[in-house]
Amino acid sequence: GVSIQLIVRGMLSLIPGRKKMSENIEV
């Protein structure tokens, strides 16, 4: 339930916005 905001210019191995995995992560 932690809200996570990421500003990433280049390489990004994280997949944001996927249900039950990263739905609280915005990039």
mmCIF file of all heavy atoms, coordinates in Angstrom:
data_MODEL
# 
_entry.id   MODEL 
# 
loop_
_atom_site.group_PDB 
_atom_site.id 
_atom_site.type_symbol 
_atom_site.label_atom_id 
_atom_site.label_alt_id 
_atom_site.label_comp_id 
_atom_site.label_asym_id 
_atom_site.label_entity_id 
_atom_site.label_seq_id 
_atom_site.pdbx_PDB_ins_code 
_atom_site.Cartn_x 
_atom_site.Cartn_y 
_atom_site.Cartn_z 
_atom_site.occupancy 
_atom_site.B_iso_or_equiv 
_atom_site.pdbx_formal_charge 
_atom_site.auth_seq_id 
_atom_site.auth_comp_id 
_atom_site.auth_asym_id 
_atom_site.auth_atom_id 
_atom_site.pdbx_PDB_model_num 
ATOM 1   N N   . GLY A 1 1  ? 0.771  -1.232  0.000   1.00 0.00 ? 1  GLY A N   1 
ATOM 2   C CA  . GLY A 1 1  ? 0.000  0.000   0.000   1.00 0.00 ? 1  GLY A CA  1 
ATOM 3   C C   . GLY A 1 1  ? 0.802  1.283   0.000   1.00 0.00 ? 1  GLY A C   1 
ATOM 4   O O   . GLY A 1 1  ? 0.235  2.377   0.137   1.00 0.00 ? 1  GLY A O   1 
ATOM 5   N N   . VAL A 1 2  ? 2.126  1.198   -0.173  1.00 0.00 ? 2  VAL A N   1 
ATOM 6   C CA  . VAL A 1 2  ? 2.951  2.406   -0.271  1.00 0.00 ? 2  VAL A CA  1 
ATOM 7   C C   . VAL A 1 2  ? 2.758  3.034   -1.650  1.00 0.00 ? 2  VAL A C   1 
ATOM 8   O O   . VAL A 1 2  ? 2.809  2.334   -2.670  1.00 0.00 ? 2  VAL A O   1 
ATOM 9   C CB  . VAL A 1 2  ? 4.437  2.075   -0.037  1.00 0.00 ? 2  VAL A CB  1 
ATOM 10  C CG1 . VAL A 1 2  ? 5.300  3.331   -0.186  1.00 0.00 ? 2  VAL A CG1 1 
ATOM 11  C CG2 . VAL A 1 2  ? 4.647  1.444   1.331   1.00 0.00 ? 2  VAL A CG2 1 
ATOM 12  N N   . SER A 1 3  ? 2.520  4.342   -1.686  1.00 0.00 ? 3  SER A N   1 
ATOM 13  C CA  . SER A 1 3  ? 2.440  5.060   -2.967  1.00 0.00 ? 3  SER A CA  1 
ATOM 14  C C   . SER A 1 3  ? 3.855  5.365   -3.444  1.00 0.00 ? 3  SER A C   1 
ATOM 15  O O   . SER A 1 3  ? 4.666  5.923   -2.687  1.00 0.00 ? 3  SER A O   1 
ATOM 16  C CB  . SER A 1 3  ? 1.664  6.368   -2.796  1.00 0.00 ? 3  SER A CB  1 
ATOM 17  O OG  . SER A 1 3  ? 0.328  6.097   -2.429  1.00 0.00 ? 3  SER A OG  1 
ATOM 18  N N   . ILE A 1 4  ? 4.138  5.015   -4.688  1.00 0.00 ? 4  ILE A N   1 
ATOM 19  C CA  . ILE A 1 4  ? 5.497  5.165   -5.227  1.00 0.00 ? 4  ILE A CA  1 
ATOM 20  C C   . ILE A 1 4  ? 5.429  5.937   -6.535  1.00 0.00 ? 4  ILE A C   1 
ATOM 21  O O   . ILE A 1 4  ? 4.700  5.552   -7.454  1.00 0.00 ? 4  ILE A O   1 
ATOM 22  C CB  . ILE A 1 4  ? 6.159  3.788   -5.450  1.00 0.00 ? 4  ILE A CB  1 
ATOM 23  C CG1 . ILE A 1 4  ? 6.202  3.002   -4.127  1.00 0.00 ? 4  ILE A CG1 1 
ATOM 24  C CG2 . ILE A 1 4  ? 7.558  3.944   -6.035  1.00 0.00 ? 4  ILE A CG2 1 
ATOM 25  C CD1 . ILE A 1 4  ? 6.629  1.557   -4.278  1.00 0.00 ? 4  ILE A CD1 1 
ATOM 26  N N   . GLN A 1 5  ? 6.171  7.028   -6.596  1.00 0.00 ? 5  GLN A N   1 
ATOM 27  C CA  . GLN A 1 5  ? 6.267  7.851   -7.811  1.00 0.00 ? 5  GLN A CA  1 
ATOM 28  C C   . GLN A 1 5  ? 7.717  7.828   -8.278  1.00 0.00 ? 5  GLN A C   1 
ATOM 29  O O   . GLN A 1 5  ? 8.626  8.178   -7.514  1.00 0.00 ? 5  GLN A O   1 
ATOM 30  C CB  . GLN A 1 5  ? 5.822  9.286   -7.533  1.00 0.00 ? 5  GLN A CB  1 
ATOM 31  C CG  . GLN A 1 5  ? 4.366  9.406   -7.119  1.00 0.00 ? 5  GLN A CG  1 
ATOM 32  C CD  . GLN A 1 5  ? 3.987  10.819  -6.720  1.00 0.00 ? 5  GLN A CD  1 
ATOM 33  O OE1 . GLN A 1 5  ? 4.842  11.656  -6.411  1.00 0.00 ? 5  GLN A OE1 1 
ATOM 34  N NE2 . GLN A 1 5  ? 2.696  11.114  -6.726  1.00 0.00 ? 5  GLN A NE2 1 
ATOM 35  N N   . LEU A 1 6  ? 7.940  7.427   -9.509  1.00 0.00 ? 6  LEU A N   1 
ATOM 36  C CA  . LEU A 1 6  ? 9.285  7.294   -10.058 1.00 0.00 ? 6  LEU A CA  1 
ATOM 37  C C   . LEU A 1 6  ? 9.425  8.144   -11.308 1.00 0.00 ? 6  LEU A C   1 
ATOM 38  O O   . LEU A 1 6  ? 8.561  8.104   -12.193 1.00 0.00 ? 6  LEU A O   1 
ATOM 39  C CB  . LEU A 1 6  ? 9.586  5.837   -10.408 1.00 0.00 ? 6  LEU A CB  1 
ATOM 40  C CG  . LEU A 1 6  ? 9.381  4.777   -9.316  1.00 0.00 ? 6  LEU A CG  1 
ATOM 41  C CD1 . LEU A 1 6  ? 9.639  3.386   -9.886  1.00 0.00 ? 6  LEU A CD1 1 
ATOM 42  C CD2 . LEU A 1 6  ? 10.281 5.045   -8.125  1.00 0.00 ? 6  LEU A CD2 1 
ATOM 43  N N   . ILE A 1 7  ? 10.494 8.908   -11.371 1.00 0.00 ? 7  ILE A N   1 
ATOM 44  C CA  . ILE A 1 7  ? 10.876 9.608   -12.604 1.00 0.00 ? 7  ILE A CA  1 
ATOM 45  C C   . ILE A 1 7  ? 12.177 8.963   -13.063 1.00 0.00 ? 7  ILE A C   1 
ATOM 46  O O   . ILE A 1 7  ? 13.218 9.117   -12.421 1.00 0.00 ? 7  ILE A O   1 
ATOM 47  C CB  . ILE A 1 7  ? 11.064 11.114  -12.376 1.00 0.00 ? 7  ILE A CB  1 
ATOM 48  C CG1 . ILE A 1 7  ? 9.789  11.741  -11.797 1.00 0.00 ? 7  ILE A CG1 1 
ATOM 49  C CG2 . ILE A 1 7  ? 11.444 11.810  -13.685 1.00 0.00 ? 7  ILE A CG2 1 
ATOM 50  C CD1 . ILE A 1 7  ? 9.939  13.206  -11.396 1.00 0.00 ? 7  ILE A CD1 1 
ATOM 51  N N   . VAL A 1 8  ? 12.111 8.172   -14.136 1.00 0.00 ? 8  VAL A N   1 
ATOM 52  C CA  . VAL A 1 8  ? 13.259 7.383   -14.599 1.00 0.00 ? 8  VAL A CA  1 
ATOM 53  C C   . VAL A 1 8  ? 13.506 7.712   -16.067 1.00 0.00 ? 8  VAL A C   1 
ATOM 54  O O   . VAL A 1 8  ? 12.648 7.477   -16.915 1.00 0.00 ? 8  VAL A O   1 
ATOM 55  C CB  . VAL A 1 8  ? 13.010 5.868   -14.423 1.00 0.00 ? 8  VAL A CB  1 
ATOM 56  C CG1 . VAL A 1 8  ? 14.242 5.085   -14.845 1.00 0.00 ? 8  VAL A CG1 1 
ATOM 57  C CG2 . VAL A 1 8  ? 12.641 5.536   -12.980 1.00 0.00 ? 8  VAL A CG2 1 
ATOM 58  N N   . ARG A 1 9  ? 14.696 8.229   -16.358 1.00 0.00 ? 9  ARG A N   1 
ATOM 59  C CA  . ARG A 1 9  ? 14.981 8.669   -17.720 1.00 0.00 ? 9  ARG A CA  1 
ATOM 60  C C   . ARG A 1 9  ? 15.259 7.508   -18.669 1.00 0.00 ? 9  ARG A C   1 
ATOM 61  O O   . ARG A 1 9  ? 14.800 7.490   -19.802 1.00 0.00 ? 9  ARG A O   1 
ATOM 62  C CB  . ARG A 1 9  ? 16.199 9.604   -17.711 1.00 0.00 ? 9  ARG A CB  1 
ATOM 63  C CG  . ARG A 1 9  ? 16.473 10.279  -19.038 1.00 0.00 ? 9  ARG A CG  1 
ATOM 64  C CD  . ARG A 1 9  ? 17.871 10.863  -19.077 1.00 0.00 ? 9  ARG A CD  1 
ATOM 65  N NE  . ARG A 1 9  ? 18.895 9.856   -19.254 1.00 0.00 ? 9  ARG A NE  1 
ATOM 66  C CZ  . ARG A 1 9  ? 20.085 9.879   -18.666 1.00 0.00 ? 9  ARG A CZ  1 
ATOM 67  N NH1 . ARG A 1 9  ? 20.382 10.840  -17.820 1.00 0.00 ? 9  ARG A NH1 1 
ATOM 68  N NH2 . ARG A 1 9  ? 20.973 8.921   -18.893 1.00 0.00 ? 9  ARG A NH2 1 
ATOM 69  N N   . GLY A 1 10 ? 16.068 6.545   -18.231 1.00 0.00 ? 10 GLY A N   1 
ATOM 70  C CA  . GLY A 1 10 ? 16.592 5.550   -19.169 1.00 0.00 ? 10 GLY A CA  1 
ATOM 71  C C   . GLY A 1 10 ? 16.132 4.138   -18.892 1.00 0.00 ? 10 GLY A C   1 
ATOM 72  O O   . GLY A 1 10 ? 14.960 3.808   -19.026 1.00 0.00 ? 10 GLY A O   1 
ATOM 73  N N   . MET A 1 11 ? 17.075 3.257   -18.498 1.00 0.00 ? 11 MET A N   1 
ATOM 74  C CA  . MET A 1 11 ? 16.749 1.845   -18.262 1.00 0.00 ? 11 MET A CA  1 
ATOM 75  C C   . MET A 1 11 ? 15.705 1.716   -17.152 1.00 0.00 ? 11 MET A C   1 
ATOM 76  O O   . MET A 1 11 ? 15.830 2.328   -16.094 1.00 0.00 ? 11 MET A O   1 
ATOM 77  C CB  . MET A 1 11 ? 17.993 1.068   -17.843 1.00 0.00 ? 11 MET A CB  1 
ATOM 78  C CG  . MET A 1 11 ? 18.997 0.831   -18.944 1.00 0.00 ? 11 MET A CG  1 
ATOM 79  S SD  . MET A 1 11 ? 20.376 -0.144  -18.255 1.00 0.00 ? 11 MET A SD  1 
ATOM 80  C CE  . MET A 1 11 ? 21.487 -0.170  -19.663 1.00 0.00 ? 11 MET A CE  1 
ATOM 81  N N   . LEU A 1 12 ? 14.706 0.876   -17.405 1.00 0.00 ? 12 LEU A N   1 
ATOM 82  C CA  . LEU A 1 12 ? 13.670 0.625   -16.408 1.00 0.00 ? 12 LEU A CA  1 
ATOM 83  C C   . LEU A 1 12 ? 13.246 -0.829  -16.510 1.00 0.00 ? 12 LEU A C   1 
ATOM 84  O O   . LEU A 1 12 ? 12.512 -1.210  -17.425 1.00 0.00 ? 12 LEU A O   1 
ATOM 85  C CB  . LEU A 1 12 ? 12.464 1.550   -16.635 1.00 0.00 ? 12 LEU A CB  1 
ATOM 86  C CG  . LEU A 1 12 ? 11.294 1.338   -15.674 1.00 0.00 ? 12 LEU A CG  1 
ATOM 87  C CD1 . LEU A 1 12 ? 11.671 1.715   -14.248 1.00 0.00 ? 12 LEU A CD1 1 
ATOM 88  C CD2 . LEU A 1 12 ? 10.074 2.118   -16.136 1.00 0.00 ? 12 LEU A CD2 1 
ATOM 89  N N   . SER A 1 13 ? 13.717 -1.650  -15.571 1.00 0.00 ? 13 SER A N   1 
ATOM 90  C CA  . SER A 1 13 ? 13.325 -3.057  -15.562 1.00 0.00 ? 13 SER A CA  1 
ATOM 91  C C   . SER A 1 13 ? 12.046 -3.287  -14.768 1.00 0.00 ? 13 SER A C   1 
ATOM 92  O O   . SER A 1 13 ? 11.426 -4.340  -14.889 1.00 0.00 ? 13 SER A O   1 
ATOM 93  C CB  . SER A 1 13 ? 14.456 -3.919  -14.982 1.00 0.00 ? 13 SER A CB  1 
ATOM 94  O OG  . SER A 1 13 ? 15.565 -3.913  -15.866 1.00 0.00 ? 13 SER A OG  1 
ATOM 95  N N   . LEU A 1 14 ? 11.659 -2.326  -13.951 1.00 0.00 ? 14 LEU A N   1 
ATOM 96  C CA  . LEU A 1 14 ? 10.407 -2.413  -13.194 1.00 0.00 ? 14 LEU A CA  1 
ATOM 97  C C   . LEU A 1 14 ? 9.213  -2.240  -14.135 1.00 0.00 ? 14 LEU A C   1 
ATOM 98  O O   . LEU A 1 14 ? 9.243  -1.406  -15.042 1.00 0.00 ? 14 LEU A O   1 
ATOM 99  C CB  . LEU A 1 14 ? 10.414 -1.325  -12.120 1.00 0.00 ? 14 LEU A CB  1 
ATOM 100 C CG  . LEU A 1 14 ? 9.216  -1.196  -11.191 1.00 0.00 ? 14 LEU A CG  1 
ATOM 101 C CD1 . LEU A 1 14 ? 9.669  -0.717  -9.810  1.00 0.00 ? 14 LEU A CD1 1 
ATOM 102 C CD2 . LEU A 1 14 ? 8.189  -0.204  -11.745 1.00 0.00 ? 14 LEU A CD2 1 
ATOM 103 N N   . ILE A 1 15 ? 8.166  -3.029  -13.918 1.00 0.00 ? 15 ILE A N   1 
ATOM 104 C CA  . ILE A 1 15 ? 6.939  -2.913  -14.716 1.00 0.00 ? 15 ILE A CA  1 
ATOM 105 C C   . ILE A 1 15 ? 5.869  -2.270  -13.838 1.00 0.00 ? 15 ILE A C   1 
ATOM 106 O O   . ILE A 1 15 ? 5.345  -2.921  -12.930 1.00 0.00 ? 15 ILE A O   1 
ATOM 107 C CB  . ILE A 1 15 ? 6.474  -4.289  -15.230 1.00 0.00 ? 15 ILE A CB  1 
ATOM 108 C CG1 . ILE A 1 15 ? 7.577  -4.945  -16.066 1.00 0.00 ? 15 ILE A CG1 1 
ATOM 109 C CG2 . ILE A 1 15 ? 5.184  -4.154  -16.044 1.00 0.00 ? 15 ILE A CG2 1 
ATOM 110 C CD1 . ILE A 1 15 ? 7.271  -6.375  -16.496 1.00 0.00 ? 15 ILE A CD1 1 
ATOM 111 N N   . PRO A 1 16 ? 5.533  -0.999  -14.047 1.00 0.00 ? 16 PRO A N   1 
ATOM 112 C CA  . PRO A 1 16 ? 4.568  -0.325  -13.174 1.00 0.00 ? 16 PRO A CA  1 
ATOM 113 C C   . PRO A 1 16 ? 3.121  -0.578  -13.595 1.00 0.00 ? 16 PRO A C   1 
ATOM 114 O O   . PRO A 1 16 ? 2.832  -0.947  -14.737 1.00 0.00 ? 16 PRO A O   1 
ATOM 115 C CB  . PRO A 1 16 ? 4.922  1.151   -13.367 1.00 0.00 ? 16 PRO A CB  1 
ATOM 116 C CG  . PRO A 1 16 ? 5.450  1.219   -14.759 1.00 0.00 ? 16 PRO A CG  1 
ATOM 117 C CD  . PRO A 1 16 ? 6.120  -0.092  -15.036 1.00 0.00 ? 16 PRO A CD  1 
ATOM 118 N N   . GLY A 1 17 ? 2.207  -0.398  -12.632 1.00 0.00 ? 17 GLY A N   1 
ATOM 119 C CA  . GLY A 1 17 ? 0.777  -0.418  -12.936 1.00 0.00 ? 17 GLY A CA  1 
ATOM 120 C C   . GLY A 1 17 ? 0.186  -1.782  -13.175 1.00 0.00 ? 17 GLY A C   1 
ATOM 121 O O   . GLY A 1 17 ? -0.907 -1.882  -13.737 1.00 0.00 ? 17 GLY A O   1 
ATOM 122 N N   . ARG A 1 18 ? 0.873  -2.842  -12.746 1.00 0.00 ? 18 ARG A N   1 
ATOM 123 C CA  . ARG A 1 18 ? 0.336  -4.190  -12.939 1.00 0.00 ? 18 ARG A CA  1 
ATOM 124 C C   . ARG A 1 18 ? -0.373 -4.634  -11.649 1.00 0.00 ? 18 ARG A C   1 
ATOM 125 O O   . ARG A 1 18 ? 0.189  -4.546  -10.562 1.00 0.00 ? 18 ARG A O   1 
ATOM 126 C CB  . ARG A 1 18 ? 1.436  -5.173  -13.306 1.00 0.00 ? 18 ARG A CB  1 
ATOM 127 C CG  . ARG A 1 18 ? 0.927  -6.576  -13.600 1.00 0.00 ? 18 ARG A CG  1 
ATOM 128 C CD  . ARG A 1 18 ? 1.959  -7.401  -14.332 1.00 0.00 ? 18 ARG A CD  1 
ATOM 129 N NE  . ARG A 1 18 ? 2.157  -6.924  -15.709 1.00 0.00 ? 18 ARG A NE  1 
ATOM 130 C CZ  . ARG A 1 18 ? 2.965  -7.514  -16.594 1.00 0.00 ? 18 ARG A CZ  1 
ATOM 131 N NH1 . ARG A 1 18 ? 3.628  -8.609  -16.259 1.00 0.00 ? 18 ARG A NH1 1 
ATOM 132 N NH2 . ARG A 1 18 ? 3.096  -7.025  -17.809 1.00 0.00 ? 18 ARG A NH2 1 
ATOM 133 N N   . LYS A 1 19 ? -1.602 -5.121  -11.800 1.00 0.00 ? 19 LYS A N   1 
ATOM 134 C CA  . LYS A 1 19 ? -2.416 -5.494  -10.641 1.00 0.00 ? 19 LYS A CA  1 
ATOM 135 C C   . LYS A 1 19 ? -1.719 -6.565  -9.807  1.00 0.00 ? 19 LYS A C   1 
ATOM 136 O O   . LYS A 1 19 ? -1.087 -7.477  -10.323 1.00 0.00 ? 19 LYS A O   1 
ATOM 137 C CB  . LYS A 1 19 ? -3.790 -5.987  -11.090 1.00 0.00 ? 19 LYS A CB  1 
ATOM 138 C CG  . LYS A 1 19 ? -4.709 -4.858  -11.551 1.00 0.00 ? 19 LYS A CG  1 
ATOM 139 C CD  . LYS A 1 19 ? -6.111 -5.361  -11.800 1.00 0.00 ? 19 LYS A CD  1 
ATOM 140 C CE  . LYS A 1 19 ? -7.034 -4.194  -12.190 1.00 0.00 ? 19 LYS A CE  1 
ATOM 141 N NZ  . LYS A 1 19 ? -8.427 -4.652  -12.399 1.00 0.00 ? 19 LYS A NZ  1 
ATOM 142 N N   . LYS A 1 20 ? -1.865 -6.416  -8.492  1.00 0.00 ? 20 LYS A N   1 
ATOM 143 C CA  . LYS A 1 20 ? -1.331 -7.341  -7.495  1.00 0.00 ? 20 LYS A CA  1 
ATOM 144 C C   . LYS A 1 20 ? 0.197  -7.409  -7.506  1.00 0.00 ? 20 LYS A C   1 
ATOM 145 O O   . LYS A 1 20 ? 0.780  -8.236  -6.811  1.00 0.00 ? 20 LYS A O   1 
ATOM 146 C CB  . LYS A 1 20 ? -1.916 -8.746  -7.671  1.00 0.00 ? 20 LYS A CB  1 
ATOM 147 C CG  . LYS A 1 20 ? -3.416 -8.815  -7.471  1.00 0.00 ? 20 LYS A CG  1 
ATOM 148 C CD  . LYS A 1 20 ? -3.903 -10.256 -7.575  1.00 0.00 ? 20 LYS A CD  1 
ATOM 149 C CE  . LYS A 1 20 ? -5.421 -10.314 -7.367  1.00 0.00 ? 20 LYS A CE  1 
ATOM 150 N NZ  . LYS A 1 20 ? -5.932 -11.704 -7.463  1.00 0.00 ? 20 LYS A NZ  1 
ATOM 151 N N   . MET A 1 21 ? 0.848  -6.536  -8.277  1.00 0.00 ? 21 MET A N   1 
ATOM 152 C CA  . MET A 1 21 ? 2.307  -6.532  -8.275  1.00 0.00 ? 21 MET A CA  1 
ATOM 153 C C   . MET A 1 21 ? 2.835  -5.109  -8.113  1.00 0.00 ? 21 MET A C   1 
ATOM 154 O O   . MET A 1 21 ? 3.693  -4.851  -7.265  1.00 0.00 ? 21 MET A O   1 
ATOM 155 C CB  . MET A 1 21 ? 2.858  -7.147  -9.571  1.00 0.00 ? 21 MET A CB  1 
ATOM 156 C CG  . MET A 1 21 ? 4.383  -7.278  -9.578  1.00 0.00 ? 21 MET A CG  1 
ATOM 157 S SD  . MET A 1 21 ? 5.024  -8.024  -11.090 1.00 0.00 ? 21 MET A SD  1 
ATOM 158 C CE  . MET A 1 21 ? 4.994  -6.609  -12.205 1.00 0.00 ? 21 MET A CE  1 
ATOM 159 N N   . SER A 1 22 ? 2.319  -4.183  -8.897  1.00 0.00 ? 22 SER A N   1 
ATOM 160 C CA  . SER A 1 22 ? 2.888  -2.828  -8.901  1.00 0.00 ? 22 SER A CA  1 
ATOM 161 C C   . SER A 1 22 ? 1.820  -1.772  -9.157  1.00 0.00 ? 22 SER A C   1 
ATOM 162 O O   . SER A 1 22 ? 2.117  -0.729  -9.736  1.00 0.00 ? 22 SER A O   1 
ATOM 163 C CB  . SER A 1 22 ? 3.982  -2.745  -9.972  1.00 0.00 ? 22 SER A CB  1 
ATOM 164 O OG  . SER A 1 22 ? 3.451  -3.094  -11.247 1.00 0.00 ? 22 SER A OG  1 
ATOM 165 N N   . GLU A 1 23 ? 0.583  -2.028  -8.723  1.00 0.00 ? 23 GLU A N   1 
ATOM 166 C CA  . GLU A 1 23 ? -0.500 -1.101  -9.058  1.00 0.00 ? 23 GLU A CA  1 
ATOM 167 C C   . GLU A 1 23 ? -0.377 0.231   -8.331  1.00 0.00 ? 23 GLU A C   1 
ATOM 168 O O   . GLU A 1 23 ? -1.013 1.210   -8.719  1.00 0.00 ? 23 GLU A O   1 
ATOM 169 C CB  . GLU A 1 23 ? -1.869 -1.731  -8.792  1.00 0.00 ? 23 GLU A CB  1 
ATOM 170 C CG  . GLU A 1 23 ? -2.093 -2.259  -7.392  1.00 0.00 ? 23 GLU A CG  1 
ATOM 171 C CD  . GLU A 1 23 ? -3.354 -3.114  -7.322  1.00 0.00 ? 23 GLU A CD  1 
ATOM 172 O OE1 . GLU A 1 23 ? -4.401 -2.668  -7.806  1.00 0.00 ? 23 GLU A OE1 1 
ATOM 173 O OE2 . GLU A 1 23 ? -3.272 -4.247  -6.793  1.00 0.00 ? 23 GLU A OE2 1 
ATOM 174 N N   . ASN A 1 24 ? 0.434  0.305   -7.272  1.00 0.00 ? 24 ASN A N   1 
ATOM 175 C CA  . ASN A 1 24 ? 0.647  1.573   -6.571  1.00 0.00 ? 24 ASN A CA  1 
ATOM 176 C C   . ASN A 1 24 ? 1.919  2.285   -7.016  1.00 0.00 ? 24 ASN A C   1 
ATOM 177 O O   . ASN A 1 24 ? 2.365  3.232   -6.369  1.00 0.00 ? 24 ASN A O   1 
ATOM 178 C CB  . ASN A 1 24 ? 0.694  1.340   -5.058  1.00 0.00 ? 24 ASN A CB  1 
ATOM 179 C CG  . ASN A 1 24 ? -0.676 0.988   -4.497  1.00 0.00 ? 24 ASN A CG  1 
ATOM 180 O OD1 . ASN A 1 24 ? -1.667 1.638   -4.823  1.00 0.00 ? 24 ASN A OD1 1 
ATOM 181 N ND2 . ASN A 1 24 ? -0.728 -0.059  -3.682  1.00 0.00 ? 24 ASN A ND2 1 
ATOM 182 N N   . ILE A 1 25 ? 2.510  1.800   -8.110  1.00 0.00 ? 25 ILE A N   1 
ATOM 183 C CA  . ILE A 1 25 ? 3.733  2.427   -8.641  1.00 0.00 ? 25 ILE A CA  1 
ATOM 184 C C   . ILE A 1 25 ? 3.389  3.164   -9.928  1.00 0.00 ? 25 ILE A C   1 
ATOM 185 O O   . ILE A 1 25 ? 2.833  2.577   -10.857 1.00 0.00 ? 25 ILE A O   1 
ATOM 186 C CB  . ILE A 1 25 ? 4.827  1.376   -8.922  1.00 0.00 ? 25 ILE A CB  1 
ATOM 187 C CG1 . ILE A 1 25 ? 5.155  0.593   -7.649  1.00 0.00 ? 25 ILE A CG1 1 
ATOM 188 C CG2 . ILE A 1 25 ? 6.082  2.064   -9.453  1.00 0.00 ? 25 ILE A CG2 1 
ATOM 189 C CD1 . ILE A 1 25 ? 6.188  -0.510  -7.851  1.00 0.00 ? 25 ILE A CD1 1 
ATOM 190 N N   . GLU A 1 26 ? 3.725  4.445   -9.960  1.00 0.00 ? 26 GLU A N   1 
ATOM 191 C CA  . GLU A 1 26 ? 3.561  5.261   -11.162 1.00 0.00 ? 26 GLU A CA  1 
ATOM 192 C C   . GLU A 1 26 ? 4.937  5.681   -11.658 1.00 0.00 ? 26 GLU A C   1 
ATOM 193 O O   . GLU A 1 26 ? 5.826  6.009   -10.860 1.00 0.00 ? 26 GLU A O   1 
ATOM 194 C CB  . GLU A 1 26 ? 2.732  6.508   -10.864 1.00 0.00 ? 26 GLU A CB  1 
ATOM 195 C CG  . GLU A 1 26 ? 1.310  6.240   -10.414 1.00 0.00 ? 26 GLU A CG  1 
ATOM 196 C CD  . GLU A 1 26 ? 0.588  7.540   -10.099 1.00 0.00 ? 26 GLU A CD  1 
ATOM 197 O OE1 . GLU A 1 26 ? 0.699  7.989   -8.932  1.00 0.00 ? 26 GLU A OE1 1 
ATOM 198 O OE2 . GLU A 1 26 ? -0.050 8.114   -11.000 1.00 0.00 ? 26 GLU A OE2 1 
ATOM 199 N N   . VAL A 1 27 ? 5.109  5.693   -12.974 1.00 0.00 ? 27 VAL A N   1 
ATOM 200 C CA  . VAL A 1 27 ? 6.406  6.040   -13.560 1.00 0.00 ? 27 VAL A CA  1 
ATOM 201 C C   . VAL A 1 27 ? 6.206  7.013   -14.715 1.00 0.00 ? 27 VAL A C   1 
ATOM 202 O O   . VAL A 1 27 ? 5.330  6.805   -15.568 1.00 0.00 ? 27 VAL A O   1 
ATOM 203 C CB  . VAL A 1 27 ? 7.149  4.787   -14.086 1.00 0.00 ? 27 VAL A CB  1 
ATOM 204 C CG1 . VAL A 1 27 ? 8.494  5.182   -14.687 1.00 0.00 ? 27 VAL A CG1 1 
ATOM 205 C CG2 . VAL A 1 27 ? 7.355  3.771   -12.977 1.00 0.00 ? 27 VAL A CG2 1 
# 
